[in-house]
Each structure stands twice: as structure tokens, then as C-alpha cells.
Amino acid sequence: QVQLVESGGGLVQPGGSLKLSCAASGFTLDYYTICWFRQAPGKEREGVSCLSNDDGDTYYLDTLKGRFTISRDNAKNTAYLQMNSLKPEDTAVYYCAADLSSWYESLLKDRHEHDYWGQGTQVTVSS
């Protein structure tokens, strides 16, 4: 079955950390640009971070720089988002997408336009 499955979300206190995983099955993830998006209730979807498939170029939402790190493990066919110093405003559903395109183009796509996308994992930052 061809799919992306996110995991690793949960409830964490402010200042805590989580590492999200995005596992691909049925296709080879390292050929694809990976992007993480998030959507909080009542808010627009926003691109969090991307990792290019060719040159390893990365993108981070300005407000997240220094706190979040995107990576991939090709042997495990999995991408990751390490999130540190979490804040209540980071609360959202996080989901990953894979595209045969630049990260810039991926960020512009609607969710259904991605080559592959997952169903998301909930991250709640609260004391």
C-alpha cells in the first residue's frame, strides 16, 4: 500500500520536545522533497519545514528557526521533524507531504495536490 504515516505526536508541556516521524511505504522517499505542514483549529495551514530531494536544501518557517530540525533516514524510508522548546502556539495537527518538486513548489500546493500526504498527528503543548 502506498502511503505516508505520521507518528510521534502527543501532549507535551511548554519547553518540551517531540520528534515526529513520517514513514513512507510503497515508494522510495529519498526521491522526494519532504515538507511538514501544520494546521491549528480555526487557522490556515502553514508550511513548517521542507527538505529537498536533491541538494539537501532546507526551509523553515521564520518563527521556528532554531527550534525545529527536519531530517530523513533513507535506510528507514522515513523523515523526521525534531521539535524543541515547544510553545502552546505550536499546538496543531502536523502532517507530512512528499513531492517530486522543489520545496518552494511544495509549499504552494493545496493538500490534495501533493504527490503523497499523510493523515496527520496531533501535537498539543499545554501545562
Foldseek 3Di string as FASTA:
>chain_A
DWAWAKDFADEAAQQAKIKMKIATPPDQQLLWKKWKWWDDPPDDIATAKIAGSPPRDMDGDVVQPPFWDWDADRVRSMIMIIGGRDDQVVWTWMKMAIANDGVVVVRPDDPVPTPHIYPTDTHGYHD
